[in-house]
Amino acid sequence: MAAAVPSRAELAALLDHTLLRPEATRADVLTVAAEAAALGCACVCVSPVHLPLGDVGVPVCTVVGFPSGAHDPQVKATEAAVAVDAGAVEIDMVVPLGAVLAGDWGAVTSDIAGVRENVPAPLLLKVILETAALDAAQITACCHAAADAGADFVKTSTGFHPAGGATVDAVALMADAVGRLLGVKASGGIRTTAAALAMLDAGATRIGASASAAILDGLEATGHG
């Protein structure tokens, strides 16, 4: 059974309004932050080079080890610490995909835990799995590693991997793997209201999108705004 359709405000509160294009300027980022605040989004997610943003009226999220995940664990941990010092209250980190594909779950867990040490609660840590590049067993194992390392969310995708972004099947698998222990963020290619609602129905508790305004406007068009 599909979940009840959220109101515009309820859906906005689940959206991480995102601008991670490498060519984005400071002016672009501040515009998107203002949009996130005006829309009532959960946060604005931007590249760490743009921090600190100052008081932009919305929580600030940034990325670590982005977009490949193939960074030395100490570098990731340090990058997270610098971001937190610069005002980020949510961190989205990428797992080391090579270790995932090799089945080195100790390395994966340690990588996440190193970042978690520098992102203490109540700050939020989300772990990007790049699900389109993984099989079901690897996705499930990644979710368990994230939980073991103390993460708050697992996240589907960076939106930059050639294998693709979020899918309903991946979100459902992740939600099943983490139960109520962690949140699930669907991100990567979600541009319409229908796609966002499908991800929520599958078990997502956050959605990362650059098309937040269009998603919310589409909800109003269905008569649920």
C-alpha atoms as a PDB file:
ATOM      1  CA  MET A   1       0.000   0.000   0.000  1.00  0.00           C
ATOM      2  CA  ALA A   2       1.376   3.416  -0.954  1.00  0.00           C
ATOM      3  CA  ALA A   3       2.076   5.842   1.837  1.00  0.00           C
ATOM      4  CA  ALA A   4      -0.124   8.891   2.274  1.00  0.00           C
ATOM      5  CA  VAL A   5       0.882  11.757  -0.010  1.00  0.00           C
ATOM      6  CA  PRO A   6       2.673  14.400   2.068  1.00  0.00           C
ATOM      7  CA  SER A   7       1.763  18.058   2.075  1.00  0.00           C
ATOM      8  CA  ARG A   8       4.067  20.542   0.372  1.00  0.00           C
ATOM      9  CA  ALA A   9       5.620  21.516   3.719  1.00  0.00           C
ATOM     10  CA  GLU A  10       6.048  17.881   4.746  1.00  0.00           C
ATOM     11  CA  LEU A  11       7.735  16.980   1.482  1.00  0.00           C
ATOM     12  CA  ALA A  12       9.965  20.063   1.568  1.00  0.00           C
ATOM     13  CA  ALA A  13      11.177  19.041   5.028  1.00  0.00           C
ATOM     14  CA  LEU A  14      12.465  15.778   3.517  1.00  0.00           C
ATOM     15  CA  LEU A  15      14.429  17.438   0.705  1.00  0.00           C
ATOM     16  CA  ASP A  16      18.163  18.150   0.726  1.00  0.00           C
ATOM     17  CA  HIS A  17      18.316  20.973  -1.841  1.00  0.00           C
ATOM     18  CA  THR A  18      21.563  20.303  -3.654  1.00  0.00           C
ATOM     19  CA  LEU A  19      24.157  22.071  -5.777  1.00  0.00           C
ATOM     20  CA  LEU A  20      27.317  20.021  -6.300  1.00  0.00           C
ATOM     21  CA  ARG A  21      28.308  20.991  -9.831  1.00  0.00           C
ATOM     22  CA  PRO A  22      32.048  21.674  -9.776  1.00  0.00           C
ATOM     23  CA  GLU A  23      31.614  24.844 -11.826  1.00  0.00           C
ATOM     24  CA  ALA A  24      29.158  26.379  -9.335  1.00  0.00           C
ATOM     25  CA  THR A  25      30.178  29.830  -8.148  1.00  0.00           C
ATOM     26  CA  ARG A  26      29.790  31.334  -4.697  1.00  0.00           C
ATOM     27  CA  ALA A  27      26.878  33.377  -6.027  1.00  0.00           C
ATOM     28  CA  ASP A  28      25.220  30.205  -7.369  1.00  0.00           C
ATOM     29  CA  VAL A  29      25.586  28.519  -3.996  1.00  0.00           C
ATOM     30  CA  LEU A  30      24.133  31.430  -2.048  1.00  0.00           C
ATOM     31  CA  THR A  31      21.179  31.539  -4.446  1.00  0.00           C
ATOM     32  CA  VAL A  32      20.501  27.846  -3.896  1.00  0.00           C
ATOM     33  CA  ALA A  33      20.831  28.266  -0.120  1.00  0.00           C
ATOM     34  CA  ALA A  34      18.238  31.041  -0.242  1.00  0.00           C
ATOM     35  CA  GLU A  35      15.970  28.784  -2.309  1.00  0.00           C
ATOM     36  CA  ALA A  36      16.346  25.989   0.246  1.00  0.00           C
ATOM     37  CA  ALA A  37      15.401  28.313   3.075  1.00  0.00           C
ATOM     38  CA  ALA A  38      12.420  29.732   1.197  1.00  0.00           C
ATOM     39  CA  LEU A  39      11.168  26.266   0.254  1.00  0.00           C
ATOM     40  CA  GLY A  40      11.519  24.926   3.801  1.00  0.00           C
ATOM     41  CA  CYS A  41      13.991  22.194   2.856  1.00  0.00           C
ATOM     42  CA  ALA A  42      15.778  19.978   5.352  1.00  0.00           C
ATOM     43  CA  CYS A  43      19.140  21.425   4.345  1.00  0.00           C
ATOM     44  CA  VAL A  44      21.198  22.856   1.524  1.00  0.00           C
ATOM     45  CA  CYS A  45      23.953  20.527   0.285  1.00  0.00           C
ATOM     46  CA  VAL A  46      26.986  22.139  -1.353  1.00  0.00           C
ATOM     47  CA  SER A  47      30.627  21.407  -2.073  1.00  0.00           C
ATOM     48  CA  PRO A  48      33.020  22.019   0.835  1.00  0.00           C
ATOM     49  CA  VAL A  49      34.998  24.683  -1.033  1.00  0.00           C
ATOM     50  CA  HIS A  50      32.062  27.057  -0.516  1.00  0.00           C
ATOM     51  CA  LEU A  51      32.024  26.802   3.288  1.00  0.00           C
ATOM     52  CA  PRO A  52      31.389  28.641   5.475  1.00  0.00           C
ATOM     53  CA  LEU A  53      28.091  29.930   4.143  1.00  0.00           C
ATOM     54  CA  GLY A  54      27.197  31.956   7.200  1.00  0.00           C
ATOM     55  CA  ASP A  55      23.622  32.319   8.397  1.00  0.00           C
ATOM     56  CA  VAL A  56      21.603  31.281   5.355  1.00  0.00           C
ATOM     57  CA  GLY A  57      18.449  30.281   7.231  1.00  0.00           C
ATOM     58  CA  VAL A  58      18.764  26.555   6.578  1.00  0.00           C
ATOM     59  CA  PRO A  59      21.069  23.774   7.888  1.00  0.00           C
ATOM     60  CA  VAL A  60      24.203  23.296   5.788  1.00  0.00           C
ATOM     61  CA  CYS A  61      25.306  19.918   4.447  1.00  0.00           C
ATOM     62  CA  THR A  62      28.495  19.161   2.550  1.00  0.00           C
ATOM     63  CA  VAL A  63      30.242  16.170   0.989  1.00  0.00           C
ATOM     64  CA  VAL A  64      33.382  14.259   1.944  1.00  0.00           C
ATOM     65  CA  GLY A  65      35.472  11.997  -0.276  1.00  0.00           C
ATOM     66  CA  PHE A  66      33.324  13.159  -3.153  1.00  0.00           C
ATOM     67  CA  PRO A  67      32.562  11.879  -5.700  1.00  0.00           C
ATOM     68  CA  SER A  68      34.817   8.814  -5.968  1.00  0.00           C
ATOM     69  CA  GLY A  69      35.277   7.729  -2.352  1.00  0.00           C
ATOM     70  CA  ALA A  70      38.836   6.739  -3.287  1.00  0.00           C
ATOM     71  CA  HIS A  71      40.544   8.977  -0.751  1.00  0.00           C
ATOM     72  CA  ASP A  72      42.891   8.092   2.082  1.00  0.00           C
ATOM     73  CA  PRO A  73      40.785   7.529   5.226  1.00  0.00           C
ATOM     74  CA  GLN A  74      42.768  10.140   7.143  1.00  0.00           C
ATOM     75  CA  VAL A  75      42.087  12.669   4.419  1.00  0.00           C
ATOM     76  CA  LYS A  76      38.359  11.942   4.596  1.00  0.00           C
ATOM     77  CA  ALA A  77      38.364  12.291   8.368  1.00  0.00           C
ATOM     78  CA  THR A  78      40.277  15.564   8.161  1.00  0.00           C
ATOM     79  CA  GLU A  79      38.002  16.868   5.402  1.00  0.00           C
ATOM     80  CA  ALA A  80      35.017  16.157   7.647  1.00  0.00           C
ATOM     81  CA  ALA A  81      36.609  17.953  10.588  1.00  0.00           C
ATOM     82  CA  VAL A  82      37.361  21.024   8.454  1.00  0.00           C
ATOM     83  CA  ALA A  83      33.788  21.050   7.137  1.00  0.00           C
ATOM     84  CA  VAL A  84      32.308  20.827  10.629  1.00  0.00           C
ATOM     85  CA  ASP A  85      34.555  23.652  11.820  1.00  0.00           C
ATOM     86  CA  ALA A  86      33.251  25.688   8.866  1.00  0.00           C
ATOM     87  CA  GLY A  87      29.636  25.228   9.912  1.00  0.00           C
ATOM     88  CA  ALA A  88      28.426  22.044   8.228  1.00  0.00           C
ATOM     89  CA  VAL A  89      25.940  20.160  10.398  1.00  0.00           C
ATOM     90  CA  GLU A  90      25.366  17.288   7.965  1.00  0.00           C
ATOM     91  CA  ILE A  91      28.078  15.331   6.147  1.00  0.00           C
ATOM     92  CA  ASP A  92      27.487  13.061   3.142  1.00  0.00           C
ATOM     93  CA  MET A  93      30.552  10.827   2.655  1.00  0.00           C
ATOM     94  CA  VAL A  94      31.330   8.339  -0.121  1.00  0.00           C
ATOM     95  CA  VAL A  95      32.397   4.800   0.772  1.00  0.00           C
ATOM     96  CA  PRO A  96      35.658   3.395  -0.650  1.00  0.00           C
ATOM     97  CA  LEU A  97      34.126   1.535  -3.588  1.00  0.00           C
ATOM     98  CA  GLY A  98      37.269  -0.501  -4.237  1.00  0.00           C
ATOM     99  CA  ALA A  99      37.104  -1.938  -0.730  1.00  0.00           C
ATOM    100  CA  VAL A 100      33.394  -2.641  -1.192  1.00  0.00           C
ATOM    101  CA  LEU A 101      33.966  -4.555  -4.430  1.00  0.00           C
ATOM    102  CA  ALA A 102      36.833  -6.467  -2.797  1.00  0.00           C
ATOM    103  CA  GLY A 103      34.598  -7.407   0.134  1.00  0.00           C
ATOM    104  CA  ASP A 104      36.956  -5.745   2.618  1.00  0.00           C
ATOM    105  CA  TRP A 105      34.234  -4.814   5.075  1.00  0.00           C
ATOM    106  CA  GLY A 106      36.707  -4.049   7.850  1.00  0.00           C
ATOM    107  CA  ALA A 107      38.232  -1.306   5.702  1.00  0.00           C
ATOM    108  CA  VAL A 108      34.793   0.016   4.746  1.00  0.00           C
ATOM    109  CA  THR A 109      33.641   0.169   8.356  1.00  0.00           C
ATOM    110  CA  SER A 110      36.887   1.762   9.503  1.00  0.00           C
ATOM    111  CA  ASP A 111      36.661   4.392   6.757  1.00  0.00           C
ATOM    112  CA  ILE A 112      33.174   5.407   7.872  1.00  0.00           C
ATOM    113  CA  ALA A 113      34.064   5.279  11.562  1.00  0.00           C
ATOM    114  CA  GLY A 114      37.009   7.624  11.009  1.00  0.00           C
ATOM    115  CA  VAL A 115      34.684  10.249   9.597  1.00  0.00           C
ATOM    116  CA  ARG A 116      32.109   9.635  12.332  1.00  0.00           C
ATOM    117  CA  GLU A 117      34.721  10.512  14.955  1.00  0.00           C
ATOM    118  CA  ASN A 118      34.889  14.013  13.500  1.00  0.00           C
ATOM    119  CA  VAL A 119      31.140  14.316  12.966  1.00  0.00           C
ATOM    120  CA  PRO A 120      29.803  13.818  16.496  1.00  0.00           C
ATOM    121  CA  ALA A 121      26.087  13.649  17.275  1.00  0.00           C
ATOM    122  CA  PRO A 122      23.839  15.553  16.935  1.00  0.00           C
ATOM    123  CA  LEU A 123      25.560  16.293  13.613  1.00  0.00           C
ATOM    124  CA  LEU A 124      24.352  13.900  10.922  1.00  0.00           C
ATOM    125  CA  LEU A 125      26.517  11.509   8.914  1.00  0.00           C
ATOM    126  CA  LYS A 126      25.132  10.055   5.682  1.00  0.00           C
ATOM    127  CA  VAL A 127      27.033   7.316   3.841  1.00  0.00           C
ATOM    128  CA  ILE A 128      26.848   7.259   0.025  1.00  0.00           C
ATOM    129  CA  LEU A 129      26.965   3.708  -1.335  1.00  0.00           C
ATOM    130  CA  GLU A 130      26.785   4.332  -5.101  1.00  0.00           C
ATOM    131  CA  THR A 131      24.163   1.596  -5.360  1.00  0.00           C
ATOM    132  CA  ALA A 132      23.995   1.501  -9.159  1.00  0.00           C
ATOM    133  CA  ALA A 133      27.554   0.143  -9.166  1.00  0.00           C
ATOM    134  CA  LEU A 134      26.809  -2.590  -6.589  1.00  0.00           C
ATOM    135  CA  ASP A 135      24.845  -5.816  -6.415  1.00  0.00           C
ATOM    136  CA  ALA A 136      22.187  -6.537  -3.810  1.00  0.00           C
ATOM    137  CA  ALA A 137      24.538  -8.358  -1.436  1.00  0.00           C
ATOM    138  CA  GLN A 138      27.059  -5.518  -1.571  1.00  0.00           C
ATOM    139  CA  ILE A 139      24.369  -2.923  -0.924  1.00  0.00           C
ATOM    140  CA  THR A 140      23.129  -4.843   2.102  1.00  0.00           C
ATOM    141  CA  ALA A 141      26.648  -5.340   3.454  1.00  0.00           C
ATOM    142  CA  CYS A 142      27.401  -1.626   2.984  1.00  0.00           C
ATOM    143  CA  CYS A 143      24.297  -0.738   4.954  1.00  0.00           C
ATOM    144  CA  HIS A 144      25.396  -3.011   7.780  1.00  0.00           C
ATOM    145  CA  ALA A 145      28.894  -1.484   7.736  1.00  0.00           C
ATOM    146  CA  ALA A 146      27.416   2.011   7.942  1.00  0.00           C
ATOM    147  CA  ALA A 147      25.264   0.986  10.897  1.00  0.00           C
ATOM    148  CA  ASP A 148      28.222  -0.663  12.642  1.00  0.00           C
ATOM    149  CA  ALA A 149      30.282   2.515  12.175  1.00  0.00           C
ATOM    150  CA  GLY A 150      27.584   4.689  13.737  1.00  0.00           C
ATOM    151  CA  ALA A 151      26.242   6.495  10.678  1.00  0.00           C
ATOM    152  CA  ASP A 152      22.813   8.147  10.719  1.00  0.00           C
ATOM    153  CA  PHE A 153      21.796   7.547   7.088  1.00  0.00           C
ATOM    154  CA  VAL A 154      22.681   5.481   4.088  1.00  0.00           C
ATOM    155  CA  LYS A 155      22.399   7.235   0.733  1.00  0.00           C
ATOM    156  CA  THR A 156      22.033   5.783  -2.738  1.00  0.00           C
ATOM    157  CA  SER A 157      24.252   7.843  -4.986  1.00  0.00           C
ATOM    158  CA  THR A 158      26.469  10.824  -5.676  1.00  0.00           C
ATOM    159  CA  GLY A 159      24.641  11.572  -8.905  1.00  0.00           C
ATOM    160  CA  PHE A 160      28.002  11.570 -10.699  1.00  0.00           C
ATOM    161  CA  HIS A 161      28.678   7.843 -11.252  1.00  0.00           C
ATOM    162  CA  PRO A 162      28.233   6.608 -14.839  1.00  0.00           C
ATOM    163  CA  ALA A 163      26.333   3.550 -13.561  1.00  0.00           C
ATOM    164  CA  GLY A 164      23.415   5.780 -12.605  1.00  0.00           C
ATOM    165  CA  GLY A 165      21.585   7.184  -9.612  1.00  0.00           C
ATOM    166  CA  ALA A 166      18.788   6.186  -7.275  1.00  0.00           C
ATOM    167  CA  THR A 167      16.288   3.432  -8.042  1.00  0.00           C
ATOM    168  CA  VAL A 168      13.189   2.328  -6.191  1.00  0.00           C
ATOM    169  CA  ASP A 169      14.584  -1.188  -5.864  1.00  0.00           C
ATOM    170  CA  ALA A 170      17.819   0.032  -4.279  1.00  0.00           C
ATOM    171  CA  VAL A 171      15.959   2.232  -1.816  1.00  0.00           C
ATOM    172  CA  ALA A 172      13.675  -0.643  -0.819  1.00  0.00           C
ATOM    173  CA  LEU A 173      16.687  -2.914  -0.314  1.00  0.00           C
ATOM    174  CA  MET A 174      18.453  -0.322   1.818  1.00  0.00           C
ATOM    175  CA  ALA A 175      15.365   0.342   3.909  1.00  0.00           C
ATOM    176  CA  ASP A 176      15.006  -3.372   4.536  1.00  0.00           C
ATOM    177  CA  ALA A 177      18.684  -3.664   5.492  1.00  0.00           C
ATOM    178  CA  VAL A 178      18.712  -0.844   8.035  1.00  0.00           C
ATOM    179  CA  GLY A 179      15.176  -1.136   9.392  1.00  0.00           C
ATOM    180  CA  ARG A 180      14.583   1.763  11.756  1.00  0.00           C
ATOM    181  CA  LEU A 181      18.226   2.023  12.799  1.00  0.00           C
ATOM    182  CA  LEU A 182      19.220   4.467  10.065  1.00  0.00           C
ATOM    183  CA  GLY A 183      17.545   6.834   7.667  1.00  0.00           C
ATOM    184  CA  VAL A 184      17.645   6.259   3.911  1.00  0.00           C
ATOM    185  CA  LYS A 185      18.451   9.089   1.507  1.00  0.00           C
ATOM    186  CA  ALA A 186      17.560   8.657  -2.151  1.00  0.00           C
ATOM    187  CA  SER A 187      19.652  10.842  -4.433  1.00  0.00           C
ATOM    188  CA  GLY A 188      20.728  10.918  -8.047  1.00  0.00           C
ATOM    189  CA  GLY A 189      18.390  11.679 -10.932  1.00  0.00           C
ATOM    190  CA  ILE A 190      15.273  12.487  -8.890  1.00  0.00           C
ATOM    191  CA  ARG A 191      13.702  15.380 -10.785  1.00  0.00           C
ATOM    192  CA  THR A 192       9.924  14.866 -10.669  1.00  0.00           C
ATOM    193  CA  THR A 193       7.224  14.681  -8.037  1.00  0.00           C
ATOM    194  CA  ALA A 194       6.331  11.148  -9.098  1.00  0.00           C
ATOM    195  CA  ALA A 195       9.924   9.987  -8.730  1.00  0.00           C
ATOM    196  CA  ALA A 196      10.244  11.591  -5.287  1.00  0.00           C
ATOM    197  CA  LEU A 197       7.002  10.040  -4.037  1.00  0.00           C
ATOM    198  CA  ALA A 198       8.047   6.636  -5.390  1.00  0.00           C
ATOM    199  CA  MET A 199      11.266   6.849  -3.377  1.00  0.00           C
ATOM    200  CA  LEU A 200       9.328   7.722  -0.234  1.00  0.00           C
ATOM    201  CA  ASP A 201       6.970   4.805  -0.831  1.00  0.00           C
ATOM    202  CA  ALA A 202      10.014   2.526  -1.124  1.00  0.00           C
ATOM    203  CA  GLY A 203      11.311   3.619   2.269  1.00  0.00           C
ATOM    204  CA  ALA A 204      13.341   6.797   1.731  1.00  0.00           C
ATOM    205  CA  THR A 205      13.313   9.262   4.615  1.00  0.00           C
ATOM    206  CA  ARG A 206      15.297  11.982   2.823  1.00  0.00           C
ATOM    207  CA  ILE A 207      15.642  12.924  -0.834  1.00  0.00           C
ATOM    208  CA  GLY A 208      18.570  14.744  -2.382  1.00  0.00           C
ATOM    209  CA  ALA A 209      17.641  16.836  -5.399  1.00  0.00           C
ATOM    210  CA  SER A 210      18.567  19.939  -7.321  1.00  0.00           C
ATOM    211  CA  ALA A 211      15.024  20.131  -8.710  1.00  0.00           C
ATOM    212  CA  SER A 212      13.388  20.702  -5.332  1.00  0.00           C
ATOM    213  CA  ALA A 213      11.168  23.565  -6.476  1.00  0.00           C
ATOM    214  CA  ALA A 214       9.861  21.579  -9.449  1.00  0.00           C
ATOM    215  CA  ILE A 215       9.191  18.564  -7.239  1.00  0.00           C
ATOM    216  CA  LEU A 216       7.187  20.684  -4.809  1.00  0.00           C
ATOM    217  CA  ASP A 217       5.342  22.548  -7.554  1.00  0.00           C
ATOM    218  CA  GLY A 218       4.394  19.209  -9.098  1.00  0.00           C
ATOM    219  CA  LEU A 219       2.901  18.137  -5.794  1.00  0.00           C
ATOM    220  CA  GLU A 220       0.664  21.188  -5.819  1.00  0.00           C
ATOM    221  CA  ALA A 221      -0.365  20.358  -9.364  1.00  0.00           C
ATOM    222  CA  THR A 222      -1.727  17.021  -8.122  1.00  0.00           C
ATOM    223  CA  GLY A 223      -3.886  18.806  -5.572  1.00  0.00           C
ATOM    224  CA  HIS A 224      -1.804  17.770  -2.557  1.00  0.00           C
ATOM    225  CA  GLY A 225       0.077  21.027  -1.979  1.00  0.00           C
END
